């Protein structure tokens, strides 16, 4: 009961420890909605000032946001501009494993956003600024009430193949536009970052956990790292895609890299397979989304033979599948060993006997689900 109510009802307490104790008690019992919003960290404020978005000496309030492991993310209200989203890259990611990455990755995220916006207008939030010194990046705030996370919609059983197809369409458009302009490569000297954030914690970590499949996983790393075709997002996951009024919106391109677009396709398809264990009642819908995403994307490939990128994706997908249970960043919703073993069984079999078509990967997983 708040202190004011206690006084109203005649309660005075049995032990008084002076005026200071009384004030502490009052502060602790004050309703949370009367407390002022917190101020963002000094690094984010410094970044906003460096971007010219916050005048010197002006105080602002904000709200820390959850959901990511690689950045400190805040919703901040700026004078004269309203709400914006600000993120600052962290040197050590918020996972159990010792996973570190250069904070300079936000510079390349900003560059990816500019390129993606030109290739597929509406597919990314508007970029407001980026400060390399603090590793901070500012973008427009997209209200959750109108921009639901695709991951949340999948969790709740909303498996829409049409939305999955539009994700694929926009992703292929970004890949195609950048593949047609090889000068983009010079803007993304990020091989080391991509290795630190993607290849090592996913595929090489899985190789350490499965020594008898290490050669196959290491070969996937070599092929992926050596294939240079287009601008890659690197984290095309349902948690980084909003279902907005104008269609899918991609977030969090911290892994942006000039390399193999098959990685983006495999990374997203991987999540649709895993969701079959998260929400079993909607398995058929998730597999339909897998089909729609794969077929629509491949129909948009014009920078190389579609069969070539499909084969690389089909080879890579089992490695990523295994990595999400035995890598440095396991999916949080697979907790039962039985489910993890199902992933391991299919992934290990496909790593031992690779297939060339995505339909064959889907069929192998479908057979496991029917067991």
Protein backbone atom coordinates (compact mmCIF):
# COMPACT_ATOMS: atom_id res chain seq x y z
CA UNK A 1 0.00 0.00 0.00
CA UNK A 2 1.46 3.45 -0.88
CA UNK A 3 2.48 5.57 2.11
CA UNK A 4 -0.21 8.18 1.38
CA UNK A 5 -2.91 5.50 1.70
CA UNK A 6 -1.40 4.25 4.94
CA UNK A 7 -1.62 7.73 6.44
CA UNK A 8 -5.20 8.10 5.20
CA UNK A 9 -6.16 4.96 7.09
CA UNK A 10 -4.37 6.04 10.27
CA UNK A 11 -1.32 3.80 9.95
CA UNK A 12 1.82 5.46 11.31
CA UNK A 13 4.21 2.49 11.60
CA UNK A 14 5.85 1.07 14.65
CA UNK A 15 9.41 2.11 13.98
CA UNK A 16 10.48 5.54 12.89
CA UNK A 17 14.09 6.09 12.01
CA UNK A 18 13.99 9.79 11.39
CA UNK A 19 13.16 11.99 8.48
CA UNK A 20 15.62 10.36 6.05
CA UNK A 21 14.14 6.89 6.55
CA UNK A 22 10.66 8.29 6.02
CA UNK A 23 11.65 9.88 2.73
CA UNK A 24 13.32 6.67 1.57
CA UNK A 25 10.17 4.71 2.36
CA UNK A 26 8.06 7.22 0.48
CA UNK A 27 10.30 7.01 -2.57
CA UNK A 28 10.24 3.21 -2.55
CA UNK A 29 6.45 3.07 -2.34
CA UNK A 30 5.82 5.80 -4.92
CA UNK A 31 3.82 4.49 -7.92
CA UNK A 32 6.19 3.71 -10.76
CA UNK A 33 4.29 5.90 -13.22
CA UNK A 34 5.21 9.00 -11.20
CA UNK A 35 8.94 8.38 -11.50
CA UNK A 36 10.71 10.36 -14.25
CA UNK A 37 11.83 8.36 -17.31
CA UNK A 38 15.52 7.47 -17.29
CA UNK A 39 18.15 9.38 -19.18
CA UNK A 40 20.02 7.48 -21.92
CA UNK A 41 23.68 6.56 -21.32
CA UNK A 42 26.33 9.21 -21.83
CA UNK A 43 27.65 7.48 -24.96
CA UNK A 44 24.26 7.64 -26.67
CA UNK A 45 23.81 11.30 -25.71
CA UNK A 46 27.27 12.07 -27.05
CA UNK A 47 26.44 10.25 -30.27
CA UNK A 48 23.21 12.21 -30.72
CA UNK A 49 25.09 15.47 -30.23
CA UNK A 50 27.77 14.43 -32.70
CA UNK A 51 25.04 13.66 -35.26
CA UNK A 52 23.58 17.15 -34.76
CA UNK A 53 20.32 15.73 -33.42
CA UNK A 54 20.69 17.00 -29.84
CA UNK A 55 21.84 20.53 -28.96
CA UNK A 56 24.61 20.84 -26.34
CA UNK A 57 23.35 21.10 -22.77
CA UNK A 58 19.83 19.89 -23.56
CA UNK A 59 18.60 17.03 -21.37
CA UNK A 60 16.43 14.29 -22.86
CA UNK A 61 14.62 11.26 -21.53
CA UNK A 62 14.16 7.85 -23.02
CA UNK A 63 13.27 4.22 -22.56
CA UNK A 64 15.67 1.27 -22.85
CA UNK A 65 14.43 -1.38 -25.27
CA UNK A 66 14.90 -5.11 -25.02
CA UNK A 67 15.26 -7.86 -27.60
CA UNK A 68 18.77 -7.56 -28.98
CA UNK A 69 22.04 -9.05 -27.77
CA UNK A 70 24.51 -6.92 -29.70
CA UNK A 71 23.51 -3.33 -28.95
CA UNK A 72 22.23 -0.95 -26.31
CA UNK A 73 18.94 0.30 -27.81
CA UNK A 74 16.83 3.25 -26.64
CA UNK A 75 13.69 5.10 -27.63
CA UNK A 76 14.55 8.76 -27.10
CA UNK A 77 12.36 11.85 -27.34
CA UNK A 78 14.29 14.69 -28.96
CA UNK A 79 13.19 18.33 -28.75
CA UNK A 80 11.58 19.48 -31.96
CA UNK A 81 11.93 16.04 -33.55
CA UNK A 82 9.90 13.66 -31.39
CA UNK A 83 10.66 10.01 -30.82
CA UNK A 84 13.66 8.34 -32.44
CA UNK A 85 15.37 4.99 -32.01
CA UNK A 86 19.05 5.05 -31.07
CA UNK A 87 21.34 2.03 -30.81
CA UNK A 88 24.95 1.71 -29.75
CA UNK A 89 27.02 -1.33 -30.65
CA UNK A 90 28.44 -3.29 -27.70
CA UNK A 91 31.96 -4.78 -27.77
CA UNK A 92 30.75 -7.94 -25.97
CA UNK A 93 27.41 -9.39 -26.94
CA UNK A 94 24.85 -10.23 -24.27
CA UNK A 95 25.05 -14.02 -24.47
CA UNK A 96 26.49 -16.69 -22.17
CA UNK A 97 29.46 -17.39 -24.45
CA UNK A 98 32.41 -15.01 -24.75
CA UNK A 99 31.31 -13.38 -28.01
CA UNK A 100 33.00 -10.13 -29.01
CA UNK A 101 32.80 -7.97 -32.11
CA UNK A 102 34.12 -4.57 -33.29
CA UNK A 103 31.85 -1.63 -32.42
CA UNK A 104 32.61 -0.11 -35.83
CA UNK A 105 29.90 -2.37 -37.25
CA UNK A 106 27.28 0.39 -36.84
CA UNK A 107 29.08 2.39 -39.53
CA UNK A 108 28.42 -0.42 -41.99
CA UNK A 109 24.87 -0.87 -40.77
CA UNK A 110 24.22 2.76 -41.69
CA UNK A 111 25.76 2.21 -45.13
CA UNK A 112 23.62 -0.91 -45.62
CA UNK A 113 20.49 1.08 -44.74
CA UNK A 114 21.27 3.71 -47.35
CA UNK A 115 21.87 1.11 -50.07
CA UNK A 116 18.80 -0.92 -49.11
CA UNK A 117 16.56 2.15 -49.05
CA UNK A 118 17.67 3.04 -52.59
CA UNK A 119 17.07 -0.50 -53.86
CA UNK A 120 13.77 -1.17 -52.05
CA UNK A 121 12.11 2.01 -50.76
CA UNK A 122 10.20 1.40 -47.54
CA UNK A 123 12.17 -1.74 -46.69
CA UNK A 124 14.19 -0.01 -43.93
CA UNK A 125 13.55 2.75 -41.37
CA UNK A 126 14.70 6.24 -42.31
CA UNK A 127 18.30 6.74 -41.24
CA UNK A 128 18.79 9.94 -39.19
CA UNK A 129 22.50 9.73 -38.48
CA UNK A 130 25.49 7.66 -37.36
CA UNK A 131 28.49 8.54 -35.22
CA UNK A 132 31.53 6.36 -35.66
CA UNK A 133 33.29 7.55 -32.49
CA UNK A 134 30.54 6.38 -30.12
CA UNK A 135 29.22 3.55 -32.29
CA UNK A 136 25.74 5.12 -32.14
CA UNK A 137 23.15 5.10 -34.90
CA UNK A 138 19.81 6.96 -34.98
CA UNK A 139 16.76 6.08 -37.07
CA UNK A 140 13.10 6.86 -37.18
CA UNK A 141 10.94 5.35 -34.45
CA UNK A 142 8.37 2.90 -35.80
CA UNK A 143 5.54 2.48 -33.23
CA UNK A 144 5.03 -1.18 -32.26
CA UNK A 145 1.25 -0.76 -32.48
CA UNK A 146 1.60 -0.40 -36.25
CA UNK A 147 4.79 -2.41 -36.78
CA UNK A 148 4.60 -5.86 -35.22
CA UNK A 149 7.68 -8.07 -35.10
CA UNK A 150 7.38 -10.93 -37.55
CA UNK A 151 8.79 -13.21 -34.84
CA UNK A 152 5.91 -12.29 -32.52
CA UNK A 153 3.37 -12.96 -35.24
CA UNK A 154 4.90 -16.35 -35.98
CA UNK A 155 4.93 -17.20 -32.28
CA UNK A 156 1.24 -16.37 -32.12
CA UNK A 157 0.48 -18.67 -35.05
CA UNK A 158 0.15 -16.11 -37.85
CA UNK A 159 1.95 -17.87 -40.70
CA UNK A 160 1.29 -15.80 -43.82
CA UNK A 161 3.00 -17.09 -47.00
CA UNK A 162 2.17 -13.81 -48.71
CA UNK A 163 4.19 -11.86 -46.17
CA UNK A 164 7.06 -14.36 -46.44
CA UNK A 165 7.01 -13.89 -50.21
CA UNK A 166 7.25 -10.13 -49.82
CA UNK A 167 10.22 -10.53 -47.47
CA UNK A 168 11.89 -12.57 -50.20
CA UNK A 169 10.95 -10.10 -52.92
CA UNK A 170 12.50 -7.14 -51.08
CA UNK A 171 15.58 -9.10 -50.08
CA UNK A 172 16.17 -10.24 -53.66
CA UNK A 173 15.71 -6.67 -54.87
CA UNK A 174 18.45 -5.44 -52.50
CA UNK A 175 20.77 -8.24 -53.55
CA UNK A 176 20.09 -7.67 -57.25
CA UNK A 177 20.61 -3.91 -57.10
CA UNK A 178 23.92 -4.21 -55.27
CA UNK A 179 25.15 -7.12 -57.37
CA UNK A 180 24.65 -4.89 -60.42
CA UNK A 181 26.95 -2.26 -58.84
CA UNK A 182 30.22 -3.91 -57.76
CA UNK A 183 31.56 -0.54 -56.56
CA UNK A 184 29.44 -1.15 -53.43
CA UNK A 185 32.07 -3.67 -52.35
CA UNK A 186 34.51 -0.89 -51.48
CA UNK A 187 32.11 0.46 -48.84
CA UNK A 188 32.08 -2.83 -46.91
CA UNK A 189 35.57 -4.05 -45.94
CA UNK A 190 33.90 -6.16 -43.28
CA UNK A 191 35.23 -9.68 -43.77
CA UNK A 192 36.68 -9.70 -40.24
CA UNK A 193 33.44 -8.44 -38.68
CA UNK A 194 31.35 -10.98 -40.55
CA UNK A 195 33.68 -13.75 -39.45
CA UNK A 196 33.51 -12.57 -35.82
CA UNK A 197 29.72 -12.17 -35.72
CA UNK A 198 28.53 -14.92 -38.04
CA UNK A 199 30.97 -17.53 -39.31
CA UNK A 200 32.86 -18.17 -36.07
CA UNK A 201 30.00 -18.15 -33.51
CA UNK A 202 27.66 -20.15 -35.74
CA UNK A 203 29.44 -22.56 -38.06
CA UNK A 204 32.84 -22.89 -36.39
CA UNK A 205 31.31 -23.13 -32.92
CA UNK A 206 29.05 -25.92 -34.21
CA UNK A 207 32.13 -27.61 -35.70
CA UNK A 208 33.77 -27.67 -32.28
CA UNK A 209 30.64 -29.25 -30.80
CA UNK A 210 30.50 -31.87 -33.59
CA UNK A 211 34.07 -32.88 -34.48
CA UNK A 212 32.86 -35.58 -36.87
CA UNK A 213 31.13 -32.88 -38.94
CA UNK A 214 33.87 -30.29 -38.55
CA UNK A 215 35.27 -30.77 -42.06
CA UNK A 216 31.87 -30.15 -43.65
CA UNK A 217 31.22 -27.07 -41.51
CA UNK A 218 34.66 -25.64 -42.14
CA UNK A 219 34.13 -26.15 -45.87
CA UNK A 220 30.91 -24.12 -45.60
CA UNK A 221 32.85 -21.33 -43.92
CA UNK A 222 35.44 -21.33 -46.71
CA UNK A 223 32.81 -21.31 -49.47
CA UNK A 224 30.74 -18.58 -47.83
CA UNK A 225 33.73 -16.36 -47.05
CA UNK A 226 35.08 -16.77 -50.57
CA UNK A 227 31.86 -16.03 -52.48
CA UNK A 228 31.54 -12.34 -53.38
CA UNK A 229 28.33 -11.50 -55.18
CA UNK A 230 26.23 -8.82 -53.45
CA UNK A 231 25.54 -6.78 -50.30
CA UNK A 232 24.49 -9.11 -47.47
CA UNK A 233 22.42 -8.09 -44.43
CA UNK A 234 23.72 -10.99 -42.34
CA UNK A 235 20.88 -11.27 -39.81
CA UNK A 236 17.68 -11.74 -41.79
CA UNK A 237 15.71 -13.17 -38.90
CA UNK A 238 12.02 -12.76 -37.99
CA UNK A 239 13.17 -10.85 -34.90
CA UNK A 240 14.69 -8.24 -37.24
CA UNK A 241 11.73 -7.86 -39.59
CA UNK A 242 8.71 -5.70 -38.88
CA UNK A 243 5.28 -6.30 -40.36
CA UNK A 244 4.58 -2.66 -41.15
CA UNK A 245 1.71 -0.88 -42.90
CA UNK A 246 3.72 -0.85 -46.13
CA UNK A 247 5.12 -4.37 -45.87
CA UNK A 248 8.28 -5.90 -44.38
CA UNK A 249 10.86 -3.58 -42.81
CA UNK A 250 14.38 -4.90 -42.18
CA UNK A 251 16.27 -3.93 -39.00
CA UNK A 252 19.71 -4.51 -37.44
CA UNK A 253 22.11 -4.91 -40.35
CA UNK A 254 25.13 -4.94 -38.03
CA UNK A 255 26.61 -7.86 -39.97
CA UNK A 256 26.50 -6.02 -43.31
CA UNK A 257 29.02 -7.55 -45.68
CA UNK A 258 29.89 -7.75 -49.34
CA UNK A 259 29.69 -11.49 -49.90
CA UNK A 260 27.38 -14.41 -50.51
CA UNK A 261 23.64 -13.55 -50.66
CA UNK A 262 22.92 -17.25 -50.06
CA UNK A 263 23.71 -16.54 -46.40
CA UNK A 264 20.73 -14.18 -46.06
CA UNK A 265 18.37 -16.63 -47.71
CA UNK A 266 19.58 -19.58 -45.63
CA UNK A 267 19.52 -17.57 -42.40
CA UNK A 268 15.86 -16.65 -42.82
CA UNK A 269 14.71 -20.05 -44.07
CA UNK A 270 16.42 -21.61 -41.06
CA UNK A 271 14.12 -19.76 -38.68
CA UNK A 272 11.00 -20.93 -40.49
CA UNK A 273 12.11 -24.54 -40.01
CA UNK A 274 12.90 -24.01 -36.32
CA UNK A 275 9.54 -22.34 -35.66
CA UNK A 276 7.90 -25.70 -36.41
CA UNK A 277 9.11 -26.82 -32.97
CA UNK A 278 8.14 -23.56 -31.27
CA UNK A 279 4.50 -23.54 -32.37
CA UNK A 280 3.79 -27.12 -33.53
CA UNK A 281 0.13 -26.46 -34.33
CA UNK A 282 1.19 -24.16 -37.20
CA UNK A 283 3.85 -26.39 -38.76
CA UNK A 284 2.05 -26.56 -42.09
CA UNK A 285 1.86 -22.77 -42.20
CA UNK A 286 5.55 -22.35 -41.41
CA UNK A 287 6.50 -24.82 -44.14
CA UNK A 288 4.23 -22.94 -46.56
CA UNK A 289 6.10 -19.76 -45.61
CA UNK A 290 9.38 -21.59 -46.28
CA UNK A 291 8.17 -22.55 -49.76
CA UNK A 292 6.91 -19.04 -50.54
CA UNK A 293 10.11 -17.37 -49.37
CA UNK A 294 12.38 -19.78 -51.24
CA UNK A 295 10.50 -19.76 -54.54
CA UNK A 296 9.90 -16.00 -54.60
CA UNK A 297 13.52 -15.22 -53.81
CA UNK A 298 14.89 -17.58 -56.45
CA UNK A 299 12.53 -16.05 -59.02
CA UNK A 300 14.19 -12.69 -58.34
CA UNK A 301 17.78 -13.87 -58.82
CA UNK A 302 19.27 -12.29 -61.93
CA UNK A 303 22.95 -11.88 -61.00
CA UNK A 304 23.85 -15.58 -61.28
CA UNK A 305 22.06 -18.83 -62.18
CA UNK A 306 19.29 -19.44 -59.64
CA UNK A 307 20.34 -23.10 -59.38
CA UNK A 308 23.80 -22.05 -58.20
CA UNK A 309 22.62 -19.92 -55.31
CA UNK A 310 19.97 -22.50 -54.41
CA UNK A 311 22.67 -25.18 -54.11
CA UNK A 312 24.84 -22.98 -51.86
CA UNK A 313 21.80 -22.19 -49.72
CA UNK A 314 20.82 -25.86 -49.45
CA UNK A 315 24.38 -26.72 -48.38
CA UNK A 316 24.58 -23.88 -45.84
CA UNK A 317 21.14 -24.32 -44.28
CA UNK A 318 21.95 -27.54 -42.31
CA UNK A 319 25.03 -25.86 -40.84
CA UNK A 320 22.99 -22.91 -39.61
CA UNK A 321 20.28 -25.29 -38.43
CA UNK A 322 22.80 -27.12 -36.23
CA UNK A 323 24.35 -23.85 -35.06
CA UNK A 324 21.10 -22.68 -33.51
CA UNK A 325 21.24 -25.50 -30.97
CA UNK A 326 25.02 -26.00 -30.60
CA UNK A 327 26.57 -22.66 -31.56
CA UNK A 328 27.20 -19.55 -29.47
CA UNK A 329 23.70 -18.17 -30.07
CA UNK A 330 21.16 -20.98 -29.59
CA UNK A 331 17.52 -20.03 -30.12
CA UNK A 332 15.95 -19.39 -26.74
CA UNK A 333 12.71 -21.26 -27.40
CA UNK A 334 14.24 -24.70 -27.95
CA UNK A 335 14.82 -25.98 -24.43
CA UNK A 336 13.83 -29.66 -24.58
CA UNK A 337 16.66 -32.04 -25.46
CA UNK A 338 14.25 -34.06 -27.58
CA UNK A 339 13.68 -31.06 -29.84
CA UNK A 340 17.38 -30.24 -29.99
CA UNK A 341 18.12 -33.85 -30.94
CA UNK A 342 15.63 -33.63 -33.81
CA UNK A 343 17.50 -30.63 -35.19
CA UNK A 344 20.85 -32.38 -34.72
CA UNK A 345 19.63 -35.55 -36.44
CA UNK A 346 18.47 -33.78 -39.61
CA UNK A 347 21.35 -31.30 -39.76
CA UNK A 348 24.04 -33.92 -39.26
CA UNK A 349 22.54 -36.17 -41.94
CA UNK A 350 22.41 -33.33 -44.47
CA UNK A 351 25.96 -32.25 -43.65
CA UNK A 352 27.12 -35.80 -44.32
CA UNK A 353 25.14 -36.07 -47.57
CA UNK A 354 24.50 -32.56 -48.96
CA UNK A 355 21.53 -31.88 -51.23
CA UNK A 356 21.26 -29.34 -54.04
CA UNK A 357 17.64 -28.24 -53.70
CA UNK A 358 15.88 -26.43 -50.88
CA UNK A 359 12.88 -28.69 -51.34
CA UNK A 360 15.04 -31.62 -50.27
CA UNK A 361 16.02 -29.85 -47.05
CA UNK A 362 12.38 -29.09 -46.35
CA UNK A 363 11.40 -32.71 -47.09
CA UNK A 364 14.03 -34.08 -44.69
CA UNK A 365 12.72 -31.84 -41.92
CA UNK A 366 9.12 -32.75 -42.73
CA UNK A 367 9.94 -36.44 -42.40
CA UNK A 368 11.52 -35.79 -39.00
CA UNK A 369 8.45 -33.89 -37.83
CA UNK A 370 6.25 -36.83 -38.79
CA UNK A 371 8.26 -39.30 -36.68
